[in-house]
All heavy atoms as atom14 arrays in JSON, in Angstrom:
{
  "sequence": "KRYELHVDGNIAFVEYFLIKNEKAYLVHTEVPKELSGMKIGFELVQK",
  "atom14_mask": [
    [1, 1, 1, 1, 1, 1, 1, 1, 1, 0, 0, 0, 0, 0],
    [1, 1, 1, 1, 1, 1, 1, 1, 1, 1, 1, 0, 0, 0],
    [1, 1, 1, 1, 1, 1, 1, 1, 1, 1, 1, 1, 0, 0],
    [1, 1, 1, 1, 1, 1, 1, 1, 1, 0, 0, 0, 0, 0],
    [1, 1, 1, 1, 1, 1, 1, 1, 0, 0, 0, 0, 0, 0],
    [1, 1, 1, 1, 1, 1, 1, 1, 1, 1, 0, 0, 0, 0],
    [1, 1, 1, 1, 1, 1, 1, 0, 0, 0, 0, 0, 0, 0],
    [1, 1, 1, 1, 1, 1, 1, 1, 0, 0, 0, 0, 0, 0],
    [1, 1, 1, 1, 0, 0, 0, 0, 0, 0, 0, 0, 0, 0],
    [1, 1, 1, 1, 1, 1, 1, 1, 0, 0, 0, 0, 0, 0],
    [1, 1, 1, 1, 1, 1, 1, 1, 0, 0, 0, 0, 0, 0],
    [1, 1, 1, 1, 1, 0, 0, 0, 0, 0, 0, 0, 0, 0],
    [1, 1, 1, 1, 1, 1, 1, 1, 1, 1, 1, 0, 0, 0],
    [1, 1, 1, 1, 1, 1, 1, 0, 0, 0, 0, 0, 0, 0],
    [1, 1, 1, 1, 1, 1, 1, 1, 1, 0, 0, 0, 0, 0],
    [1, 1, 1, 1, 1, 1, 1, 1, 1, 1, 1, 1, 0, 0],
    [1, 1, 1, 1, 1, 1, 1, 1, 1, 1, 1, 0, 0, 0],
    [1, 1, 1, 1, 1, 1, 1, 1, 0, 0, 0, 0, 0, 0],
    [1, 1, 1, 1, 1, 1, 1, 1, 0, 0, 0, 0, 0, 0],
    [1, 1, 1, 1, 1, 1, 1, 1, 1, 0, 0, 0, 0, 0],
    [1, 1, 1, 1, 1, 1, 1, 1, 0, 0, 0, 0, 0, 0],
    [1, 1, 1, 1, 1, 1, 1, 1, 1, 0, 0, 0, 0, 0],
    [1, 1, 1, 1, 1, 1, 1, 1, 1, 0, 0, 0, 0, 0],
    [1, 1, 1, 1, 1, 0, 0, 0, 0, 0, 0, 0, 0, 0],
    [1, 1, 1, 1, 1, 1, 1, 1, 1, 1, 1, 1, 0, 0],
    [1, 1, 1, 1, 1, 1, 1, 1, 0, 0, 0, 0, 0, 0],
    [1, 1, 1, 1, 1, 1, 1, 0, 0, 0, 0, 0, 0, 0],
    [1, 1, 1, 1, 1, 1, 1, 1, 1, 1, 0, 0, 0, 0],
    [1, 1, 1, 1, 1, 1, 1, 0, 0, 0, 0, 0, 0, 0],
    [1, 1, 1, 1, 1, 1, 1, 1, 1, 0, 0, 0, 0, 0],
    [1, 1, 1, 1, 1, 1, 1, 0, 0, 0, 0, 0, 0, 0],
    [1, 1, 1, 1, 1, 1, 1, 0, 0, 0, 0, 0, 0, 0],
    [1, 1, 1, 1, 1, 1, 1, 1, 1, 0, 0, 0, 0, 0],
    [1, 1, 1, 1, 1, 1, 1, 1, 1, 0, 0, 0, 0, 0],
    [1, 1, 1, 1, 1, 1, 1, 1, 0, 0, 0, 0, 0, 0],
    [1, 1, 1, 1, 1, 1, 0, 0, 0, 0, 0, 0, 0, 0],
    [1, 1, 1, 1, 0, 0, 0, 0, 0, 0, 0, 0, 0, 0],
    [1, 1, 1, 1, 1, 1, 1, 1, 0, 0, 0, 0, 0, 0],
    [1, 1, 1, 1, 1, 1, 1, 1, 1, 0, 0, 0, 0, 0],
    [1, 1, 1, 1, 1, 1, 1, 1, 0, 0, 0, 0, 0, 0],
    [1, 1, 1, 1, 0, 0, 0, 0, 0, 0, 0, 0, 0, 0],
    [1, 1, 1, 1, 1, 1, 1, 1, 1, 1, 1, 0, 0, 0],
    [1, 1, 1, 1, 1, 1, 1, 1, 1, 0, 0, 0, 0, 0],
    [1, 1, 1, 1, 1, 1, 1, 1, 0, 0, 0, 0, 0, 0],
    [1, 1, 1, 1, 1, 1, 1, 0, 0, 0, 0, 0, 0, 0],
    [1, 1, 1, 1, 1, 1, 1, 1, 1, 0, 0, 0, 0, 0],
    [1, 1, 1, 1, 1, 1, 1, 1, 1, 0, 0, 0, 0, 0]
  ],
  "atom14_positions": [
    [[-87.71, 10.9, 166.01], [-86.47, 10.14, 165.82], [-86.31, 9.92, 164.3], [-87.22, 10.16, 163.54], [-86.56, 8.85, 166.57], [-86.83, 9.03, 168.04], [-87.18, 7.75, 168.74], [-87.49, 7.97, 170.21], [-86.71, 8.88, 170.98], [0.0, 0.0, 0.0], [0.0, 0.0, 0.0], [0.0, 0.0, 0.0], [0.0, 0.0, 0.0], [0.0, 0.0, 0.0]],
    [[-85.14, 9.44, 163.89], [-85.01, 9.14, 162.47], [-83.94, 8.08, 162.2], [-82.95, 8.02, 162.93], [-84.8, 10.39, 161.65], [-83.5, 11.08, 161.82], [-83.48, 12.36, 160.94], [-82.13, 12.84, 160.77], [-81.82, 13.89, 160.05], [-82.78, 14.58, 159.47], [-80.6, 14.3, 159.9], [0.0, 0.0, 0.0], [0.0, 0.0, 0.0], [0.0, 0.0, 0.0]],
    [[-84.22, 7.29, 161.22], [-83.26, 6.37, 160.73], [-82.47, 7.16, 159.65], [-83.08, 7.91, 158.88], [-83.88, 5.15, 160.05], [-84.37, 4.14, 161.01], [-85.71, 4.08, 161.45], [-83.49, 3.13, 161.55], [-86.15, 3.12, 162.3], [-83.98, 2.17, 162.42], [-85.28, 2.14, 162.78], [-85.73, 1.19, 163.7], [0.0, 0.0, 0.0], [0.0, 0.0, 0.0]],
    [[-81.17, 6.96, 159.59], [-80.34, 7.68, 158.62], [-79.47, 6.72, 157.82], [-78.94, 5.72, 158.33], [-79.44, 8.65, 159.35], [-80.17, 9.74, 160.15], [-79.28, 10.66, 161.0], [-78.06, 10.31, 161.12], [-79.81, 11.6, 161.52], [0.0, 0.0, 0.0], [0.0, 0.0, 0.0], [0.0, 0.0, 0.0], [0.0, 0.0, 0.0], [0.0, 0.0, 0.0]],
    [[-79.3, 7.09, 156.55], [-78.33, 6.39, 155.72], [-77.35, 7.44, 155.22], [-77.74, 8.36, 154.53], [-79.07, 5.71, 154.56], [-78.2, 4.79, 153.68], [-77.64, 3.67, 154.49], [-79.01, 4.24, 152.49], [0.0, 0.0, 0.0], [0.0, 0.0, 0.0], [0.0, 0.0, 0.0], [0.0, 0.0, 0.0], [0.0, 0.0, 0.0], [0.0, 0.0, 0.0]],
    [[-76.11, 7.32, 155.68], [-75.06, 8.3, 155.31], [-74.29, 7.76, 154.11], [-73.82, 6.64, 154.07], [-74.09, 8.43, 156.5], [-74.7, 9.0, 157.73], [-74.27, 10.2, 158.27], [-75.7, 8.58, 158.53], [-75.03, 10.45, 159.36], [-75.89, 9.51, 159.48], [0.0, 0.0, 0.0], [0.0, 0.0, 0.0], [0.0, 0.0, 0.0], [0.0, 0.0, 0.0]],
    [[-74.3, 8.6, 153.07], [-73.62, 8.17, 151.82], [-72.85, 9.4, 151.27], [-73.38, 10.46, 151.01], [-74.67, 7.79, 150.75], [-73.97, 7.37, 149.45], [-75.58, 6.68, 151.25], [0.0, 0.0, 0.0], [0.0, 0.0, 0.0], [0.0, 0.0, 0.0], [0.0, 0.0, 0.0], [0.0, 0.0, 0.0], [0.0, 0.0, 0.0], [0.0, 0.0, 0.0]],
    [[-71.54, 9.26, 151.23], [-70.67, 10.28, 150.66], [-70.94, 11.68, 151.24], [-71.06, 12.66, 150.51], [-70.79, 10.35, 149.14], [-70.13, 9.12, 148.5], [-69.34, 8.45, 149.14], [-70.43, 8.89, 147.31], [0.0, 0.0, 0.0], [0.0, 0.0, 0.0], [0.0, 0.0, 0.0], [0.0, 0.0, 0.0], [0.0, 0.0, 0.0], [0.0, 0.0, 0.0]],
    [[-71.08, 11.79, 152.54], [-71.28, 13.07, 153.18], [-72.74, 13.57, 153.14], [-73.02, 14.67, 153.6], [0.0, 0.0, 0.0], [0.0, 0.0, 0.0], [0.0, 0.0, 0.0], [0.0, 0.0, 0.0], [0.0, 0.0, 0.0], [0.0, 0.0, 0.0], [0.0, 0.0, 0.0], [0.0, 0.0, 0.0], [0.0, 0.0, 0.0], [0.0, 0.0, 0.0]],
    [[-73.64, 12.85, 152.53], [-75.05, 13.12, 152.48], [-75.82, 12.24, 153.43], [-75.4, 11.11, 153.66], [-75.6, 13.04, 151.06], [-74.86, 14.02, 150.09], [-75.15, 15.2, 150.17], [-74.06, 13.47, 149.22], [0.0, 0.0, 0.0], [0.0, 0.0, 0.0], [0.0, 0.0, 0.0], [0.0, 0.0, 0.0], [0.0, 0.0, 0.0], [0.0, 0.0, 0.0]],
    [[-76.97, 12.72, 153.85], [-77.78, 11.96, 154.74], [-79.23, 11.83, 154.22], [-79.91, 12.81, 154.04], [-77.87, 12.51, 156.22], [-76.49, 12.64, 156.77], [-78.79, 11.68, 157.07], [-76.45, 13.33, 158.12], [0.0, 0.0, 0.0], [0.0, 0.0, 0.0], [0.0, 0.0, 0.0], [0.0, 0.0, 0.0], [0.0, 0.0, 0.0], [0.0, 0.0, 0.0]],
    [[-79.63, 10.55, 153.89], [-81.02, 10.27, 153.57], [-81.68, 9.8, 154.9], [-80.96, 9.2, 155.71], [-81.12, 9.2, 152.49], [0.0, 0.0, 0.0], [0.0, 0.0, 0.0], [0.0, 0.0, 0.0], [0.0, 0.0, 0.0], [0.0, 0.0, 0.0], [0.0, 0.0, 0.0], [0.0, 0.0, 0.0], [0.0, 0.0, 0.0], [0.0, 0.0, 0.0]],
    [[-82.92, 10.09, 155.08], [-83.54, 9.7, 156.38], [-85.02, 9.41, 156.29], [-85.7, 9.83, 155.38], [-83.26, 10.76, 157.44], [-83.81, 12.13, 157.13], [-85.17, 12.43, 157.44], [-83.06, 13.1, 156.49], [-85.69, 13.7, 157.17], [-83.59, 14.33, 156.2], [-84.91, 14.65, 156.56], [0.0, 0.0, 0.0], [0.0, 0.0, 0.0], [0.0, 0.0, 0.0]],
    [[-85.45, 8.66, 157.3], [-86.87, 8.4, 157.57], [-87.18, 8.86, 158.97], [-86.55, 8.32, 159.93], [-87.24, 6.92, 157.41], [-88.71, 6.65, 157.81], [-87.04, 6.39, 156.0], [0.0, 0.0, 0.0], [0.0, 0.0, 0.0], [0.0, 0.0, 0.0], [0.0, 0.0, 0.0], [0.0, 0.0, 0.0], [0.0, 0.0, 0.0], [0.0, 0.0, 0.0]],
    [[-88.04, 9.84, 159.12], [-88.43, 10.32, 160.47], [-89.54, 9.42, 160.99], [-90.39, 8.94, 160.22], [-88.94, 11.73, 160.4], [-87.96, 12.75, 160.03], [-88.53, 14.14, 159.95], [-89.77, 14.38, 160.16], [-87.76, 15.09, 159.65], [0.0, 0.0, 0.0], [0.0, 0.0, 0.0], [0.0, 0.0, 0.0], [0.0, 0.0, 0.0], [0.0, 0.0, 0.0]],
    [[-89.51, 9.16, 162.3], [-90.56, 8.31, 162.91], [-90.81, 8.74, 164.35], [-90.05, 9.44, 164.97], [-90.15, 6.88, 162.86], [-88.98, 6.47, 163.76], [-89.25, 5.94, 165.06], [-87.64, 6.63, 163.38], [-88.23, 5.61, 165.89], [-86.63, 6.27, 164.22], [-86.89, 5.76, 165.46], [-85.86, 5.42, 166.33], [0.0, 0.0, 0.0], [0.0, 0.0, 0.0]],
    [[-91.98, 8.28, 164.8], [-92.36, 8.4, 166.2], [-92.57, 6.94, 166.69], [-93.13, 6.13, 165.96], [-93.71, 9.13, 166.41], [-93.61, 10.58, 166.1], [-93.94, 11.04, 164.81], [-93.21, 11.49, 167.03], [-93.91, 12.39, 164.5], [-93.16, 12.84, 166.75], [-93.53, 13.25, 165.47], [0.0, 0.0, 0.0], [0.0, 0.0, 0.0], [0.0, 0.0, 0.0]],
    [[-92.08, 6.66, 167.86], [-92.22, 5.27, 168.41], [-93.21, 5.38, 169.57], [-92.99, 6.15, 170.47], [-90.89, 4.76, 168.87], [-90.84, 3.31, 169.25], [-91.25, 2.38, 168.14], [-89.43, 2.95, 169.8], [0.0, 0.0, 0.0], [0.0, 0.0, 0.0], [0.0, 0.0, 0.0], [0.0, 0.0, 0.0], [0.0, 0.0, 0.0], [0.0, 0.0, 0.0]],
    [[-94.28, 4.57, 169.55], [-95.3, 4.58, 170.56], [-95.19, 3.37, 171.38], [-95.4, 2.26, 170.88], [-96.7, 4.73, 169.91], [-96.79, 5.92, 168.98], [-97.79, 4.79, 171.01], [-96.61, 7.28, 169.59], [0.0, 0.0, 0.0], [0.0, 0.0, 0.0], [0.0, 0.0, 0.0], [0.0, 0.0, 0.0], [0.0, 0.0, 0.0], [0.0, 0.0, 0.0]],
    [[-94.82, 3.51, 172.65], [-94.77, 2.41, 173.6], [-93.94, 1.21, 173.12], [-94.32, 0.09, 173.44], [-96.14, 1.95, 174.04], [-96.95, 3.07, 174.74], [-98.29, 2.49, 175.13], [-99.13, 3.59, 175.73], [-100.47, 3.15, 176.07], [0.0, 0.0, 0.0], [0.0, 0.0, 0.0], [0.0, 0.0, 0.0], [0.0, 0.0, 0.0], [0.0, 0.0, 0.0]],
    [[-92.93, 1.41, 172.33], [-92.14, 0.35, 171.71], [-92.95, -0.74, 171.01], [-92.54, -1.84, 170.83], [-91.25, -0.33, 172.8], [-90.17, 0.6, 173.25], [-89.66, 1.43, 172.49], [-89.72, 0.46, 174.48], [0.0, 0.0, 0.0], [0.0, 0.0, 0.0], [0.0, 0.0, 0.0], [0.0, 0.0, 0.0], [0.0, 0.0, 0.0], [0.0, 0.0, 0.0]],
    [[-94.16, -0.32, 170.56], [-95.03, -1.28, 169.82], [-95.26, -0.86, 168.41], [-95.41, -1.73, 167.56], [-96.33, -1.38, 170.57], [-96.29, -1.99, 171.95], [-97.61, -1.98, 172.65], [-98.63, -1.61, 172.06], [-97.61, -2.23, 173.86], [0.0, 0.0, 0.0], [0.0, 0.0, 0.0], [0.0, 0.0, 0.0], [0.0, 0.0, 0.0], [0.0, 0.0, 0.0]],
    [[-95.35, 0.43, 168.18], [-95.66, 0.93, 166.81], [-94.72, 2.06, 166.43], [-94.52, 2.96, 167.18], [-97.06, 1.42, 166.73], [-98.12, 0.33, 166.78], [-99.49, 0.94, 166.47], [-100.54, -0.19, 166.57], [-101.3, -0.18, 167.7], [0.0, 0.0, 0.0], [0.0, 0.0, 0.0], [0.0, 0.0, 0.0], [0.0, 0.0, 0.0], [0.0, 0.0, 0.0]],
    [[-94.15, 1.94, 165.25], [-93.35, 3.0, 164.67], [-94.17, 3.71, 163.61], [-94.55, 3.1, 162.63], [-92.05, 2.45, 164.1], [0.0, 0.0, 0.0], [0.0, 0.0, 0.0], [0.0, 0.0, 0.0], [0.0, 0.0, 0.0], [0.0, 0.0, 0.0], [0.0, 0.0, 0.0], [0.0, 0.0, 0.0], [0.0, 0.0, 0.0], [0.0, 0.0, 0.0]],
    [[-94.44, 4.97, 163.82], [-95.13, 5.78, 162.82], [-94.1, 6.45, 161.89], [-93.36, 7.31, 162.36], [-95.95, 6.86, 163.53], [-97.17, 6.32, 164.23], [-97.03, 5.61, 165.45], [-98.44, 6.49, 163.68], [-98.15, 5.09, 166.07], [-99.58, 6.0, 164.39], [-99.37, 5.28, 165.57], [-100.49, 4.78, 166.22], [0.0, 0.0, 0.0], [0.0, 0.0, 0.0]],
    [[-93.99, 5.89, 160.71], [-92.96, 6.43, 159.75], [-93.65, 7.58, 158.98], [-94.51, 7.38, 158.18], [-92.59, 5.27, 158.8], [-92.09, 4.01, 159.5], [-91.73, 2.93, 158.48], [-90.86, 4.29, 160.38], [0.0, 0.0, 0.0], [0.0, 0.0, 0.0], [0.0, 0.0, 0.0], [0.0, 0.0, 0.0], [0.0, 0.0, 0.0], [0.0, 0.0, 0.0]],
    [[-93.16, 8.77, 159.33], [-93.91, 9.96, 158.88], [-93.28, 10.71, 157.68], [-93.98, 11.44, 157.0], [-94.09, 10.93, 160.04], [-95.01, 10.34, 161.12], [-92.77, 11.42, 160.65], [0.0, 0.0, 0.0], [0.0, 0.0, 0.0], [0.0, 0.0, 0.0], [0.0, 0.0, 0.0], [0.0, 0.0, 0.0], [0.0, 0.0, 0.0], [0.0, 0.0, 0.0]],
    [[-91.98, 10.57, 157.45], [-91.38, 11.36, 156.35], [-90.07, 10.7, 155.91], [-89.27, 10.33, 156.73], [-91.12, 12.75, 156.83], [-90.4, 13.67, 155.86], [-91.07, 14.07, 154.68], [-89.19, 14.15, 155.79], [-90.23, 14.83, 154.0], [-89.06, 14.91, 154.65], [0.0, 0.0, 0.0], [0.0, 0.0, 0.0], [0.0, 0.0, 0.0], [0.0, 0.0, 0.0]],
    [[-89.91, 10.58, 154.59], [-88.65, 10.13, 153.98], [-88.02, 11.25, 153.14], [-88.74, 11.88, 152.38], [-88.9, 8.88, 153.14], [-89.51, 7.85, 153.95], [-87.61, 8.34, 152.54], [0.0, 0.0, 0.0], [0.0, 0.0, 0.0], [0.0, 0.0, 0.0], [0.0, 0.0, 0.0], [0.0, 0.0, 0.0], [0.0, 0.0, 0.0], [0.0, 0.0, 0.0]],
    [[-86.73, 11.41, 153.26], [-86.09, 12.4, 152.42], [-84.71, 11.89, 151.95], [-83.94, 11.33, 152.75], [-85.88, 13.7, 153.26], [-85.49, 14.87, 152.42], [-85.61, 16.15, 153.16], [-86.68, 16.38, 153.8], [-84.63, 16.94, 153.11], [0.0, 0.0, 0.0], [0.0, 0.0, 0.0], [0.0, 0.0, 0.0], [0.0, 0.0, 0.0], [0.0, 0.0, 0.0]],
    [[-84.49, 12.05, 150.65], [-83.23, 11.67, 150.01], [-82.67, 12.95, 149.36], [-83.37, 13.52, 148.53], [-83.43, 10.54, 149.0], [-82.11, 10.25, 148.3], [-84.0, 9.29, 149.66], [0.0, 0.0, 0.0], [0.0, 0.0, 0.0], [0.0, 0.0, 0.0], [0.0, 0.0, 0.0], [0.0, 0.0, 0.0], [0.0, 0.0, 0.0], [0.0, 0.0, 0.0]],
    [[-81.48, 13.35, 149.7], [-80.89, 14.56, 149.09], [-80.78, 14.39, 147.56], [-80.53, 13.27, 147.07], [-79.48, 14.64, 149.71], [-79.54, 13.84, 150.95], [-80.56, 12.74, 150.65], [0.0, 0.0, 0.0], [0.0, 0.0, 0.0], [0.0, 0.0, 0.0], [0.0, 0.0, 0.0], [0.0, 0.0, 0.0], [0.0, 0.0, 0.0], [0.0, 0.0, 0.0]],
    [[-80.91, 15.48, 146.87], [-80.87, 15.41, 145.41], [-79.54, 14.89, 144.87], [-79.48, 14.25, 143.83], [-81.17, 16.79, 144.75], [-80.15, 17.84, 145.1], [-80.45, 19.17, 144.44], [-79.43, 20.21, 144.87], [-79.68, 21.47, 144.34], [0.0, 0.0, 0.0], [0.0, 0.0, 0.0], [0.0, 0.0, 0.0], [0.0, 0.0, 0.0], [0.0, 0.0, 0.0]],
    [[-78.53, 15.03, 145.66], [-77.18, 14.49, 145.26], [-77.17, 12.95, 145.17], [-76.33, 12.37, 144.56], [-76.08, 14.95, 146.28], [-75.82, 16.42, 146.35], [-76.77, 17.17, 147.26], [-77.66, 16.57, 147.88], [-76.62, 18.44, 147.3], [0.0, 0.0, 0.0], [0.0, 0.0, 0.0], [0.0, 0.0, 0.0], [0.0, 0.0, 0.0], [0.0, 0.0, 0.0]],
    [[-78.15, 12.33, 145.84], [-78.23, 10.87, 145.86], [-79.34, 10.32, 144.99], [-79.62, 9.13, 144.95], [-78.44, 10.4, 147.29], [-77.33, 10.78, 148.31], [-77.71, 10.31, 149.7], [-76.01, 10.26, 147.87], [0.0, 0.0, 0.0], [0.0, 0.0, 0.0], [0.0, 0.0, 0.0], [0.0, 0.0, 0.0], [0.0, 0.0, 0.0], [0.0, 0.0, 0.0]],
    [[-80.05, 11.25, 144.25], [-81.22, 10.77, 143.46], [-80.72, 9.88, 142.34], [-79.59, 10.02, 141.8], [-81.98, 11.99, 142.92], [-81.16, 12.69, 142.01], [0.0, 0.0, 0.0], [0.0, 0.0, 0.0], [0.0, 0.0, 0.0], [0.0, 0.0, 0.0], [0.0, 0.0, 0.0], [0.0, 0.0, 0.0], [0.0, 0.0, 0.0], [0.0, 0.0, 0.0]],
    [[-81.55, 8.9, 142.03], [-81.27, 7.99, 140.94], [-80.36, 6.83, 141.35], [-79.95, 6.01, 140.54], [0.0, 0.0, 0.0], [0.0, 0.0, 0.0], [0.0, 0.0, 0.0], [0.0, 0.0, 0.0], [0.0, 0.0, 0.0], [0.0, 0.0, 0.0], [0.0, 0.0, 0.0], [0.0, 0.0, 0.0], [0.0, 0.0, 0.0], [0.0, 0.0, 0.0]],
    [[-79.99, 6.73, 142.62], [-79.06, 5.73, 143.11], [-79.8, 4.65, 143.93], [-79.15, 3.81, 144.55], [-77.97, 6.37, 143.97], [-77.17, 7.37, 143.17], [-76.0, 8.31, 144.24], [-75.04, 7.03, 144.94], [0.0, 0.0, 0.0], [0.0, 0.0, 0.0], [0.0, 0.0, 0.0], [0.0, 0.0, 0.0], [0.0, 0.0, 0.0], [0.0, 0.0, 0.0]],
    [[-81.14, 4.7, 143.94], [-81.92, 3.72, 144.74], [-81.64, 3.79, 146.27], [-81.78, 2.84, 146.98], [-81.75, 2.32, 144.21], [-82.24, 2.21, 142.77], [-82.38, 0.78, 142.33], [-82.89, 0.83, 140.93], [-83.6, -0.38, 140.53], [0.0, 0.0, 0.0], [0.0, 0.0, 0.0], [0.0, 0.0, 0.0], [0.0, 0.0, 0.0], [0.0, 0.0, 0.0]],
    [[-81.21, 4.98, 146.72], [-80.94, 5.15, 148.14], [-82.21, 5.09, 148.96], [-82.24, 4.49, 150.08], [-80.21, 6.48, 148.4], [-78.85, 6.51, 147.68], [-80.09, 6.8, 149.87], [-77.89, 5.45, 148.13], [0.0, 0.0, 0.0], [0.0, 0.0, 0.0], [0.0, 0.0, 0.0], [0.0, 0.0, 0.0], [0.0, 0.0, 0.0], [0.0, 0.0, 0.0]],
    [[-83.32, 5.65, 148.49], [-84.61, 5.56, 149.16], [-85.03, 4.14, 149.35], [-85.5, 3.75, 150.41], [0.0, 0.0, 0.0], [0.0, 0.0, 0.0], [0.0, 0.0, 0.0], [0.0, 0.0, 0.0], [0.0, 0.0, 0.0], [0.0, 0.0, 0.0], [0.0, 0.0, 0.0], [0.0, 0.0, 0.0], [0.0, 0.0, 0.0], [0.0, 0.0, 0.0]],
    [[-84.91, 3.32, 148.34], [-85.19, 1.88, 148.4], [-84.36, 1.19, 149.46], [-84.87, 0.49, 150.35], [-84.94, 1.24, 147.02], [-85.08, -0.26, 147.02], [-86.3, -0.84, 146.66], [-84.04, -1.09, 147.34], [-86.44, -2.2, 146.67], [-84.19, -2.46, 147.38], [-85.39, -3.03, 147.0], [0.0, 0.0, 0.0], [0.0, 0.0, 0.0], [0.0, 0.0, 0.0]],
    [[-83.03, 1.41, 149.41], [-82.13, 0.83, 150.37], [-82.45, 1.24, 151.81], [-82.52, 0.42, 152.75], [-80.67, 1.19, 150.06], [-79.7, 0.63, 151.0], [-78.25, 1.09, 150.71], [-77.96, 1.63, 149.64], [-77.41, 0.87, 151.61], [0.0, 0.0, 0.0], [0.0, 0.0, 0.0], [0.0, 0.0, 0.0], [0.0, 0.0, 0.0], [0.0, 0.0, 0.0]],
    [[-82.75, 2.54, 152.0], [-83.05, 3.07, 153.28], [-84.32, 2.45, 153.87], [-84.34, 1.96, 155.03], [-83.18, 4.57, 153.22], [-83.69, 5.3, 154.46], [-82.74, 5.08, 155.64], [-83.92, 6.77, 154.17], [0.0, 0.0, 0.0], [0.0, 0.0, 0.0], [0.0, 0.0, 0.0], [0.0, 0.0, 0.0], [0.0, 0.0, 0.0], [0.0, 0.0, 0.0]],
    [[-85.41, 2.47, 153.13], [-86.66, 1.97, 153.63], [-86.57, 0.47, 153.88], [-87.12, -0.04, 154.92], [-87.83, 2.28, 152.68], [-89.12, 1.58, 153.08], [-88.06, 3.78, 152.64], [0.0, 0.0, 0.0], [0.0, 0.0, 0.0], [0.0, 0.0, 0.0], [0.0, 0.0, 0.0], [0.0, 0.0, 0.0], [0.0, 0.0, 0.0], [0.0, 0.0, 0.0]],
    [[-85.9, -0.27, 153.06], [-85.7, -1.68, 153.25], [-84.99, -1.92, 154.6], [-85.36, -2.78, 155.4], [-84.94, -2.28, 152.11], [-84.81, -3.83, 152.23], [-84.15, -4.39, 150.99], [-83.17, -3.83, 150.43], [-84.62, -5.52, 150.54], [0.0, 0.0, 0.0], [0.0, 0.0, 0.0], [0.0, 0.0, 0.0], [0.0, 0.0, 0.0], [0.0, 0.0, 0.0]],
    [[-83.94, -1.16, 154.85], [-83.15, -1.34, 156.07], [-84.01, -0.96, 157.32], [-83.96, -1.61, 158.36], [-81.89, -0.53, 156.08], [-80.82, -1.07, 155.12], [-79.59, -0.15, 155.11], [-78.52, -0.63, 154.17], [-77.9, -1.91, 154.56], [0.0, 0.0, 0.0], [0.0, 0.0, 0.0], [0.0, 0.0, 0.0], [0.0, 0.0, 0.0], [0.0, 0.0, 0.0]]
  ]
}
C-alpha cells in the first residue's frame, strides 16, 4: 500500500505493509525530482 502526496501532477509516496492493523512497516519513500527542494518529503512523512 502507499500514502501519496499529489503536488502539481507529481506524486510523492511512502510504501508500506500493514500487519494485522497493528503495525505499519514503512519501507520506501520517493519524491520526484520535480519536487526536490520543496520539503515535500518532510510534509509527506509528517502526514
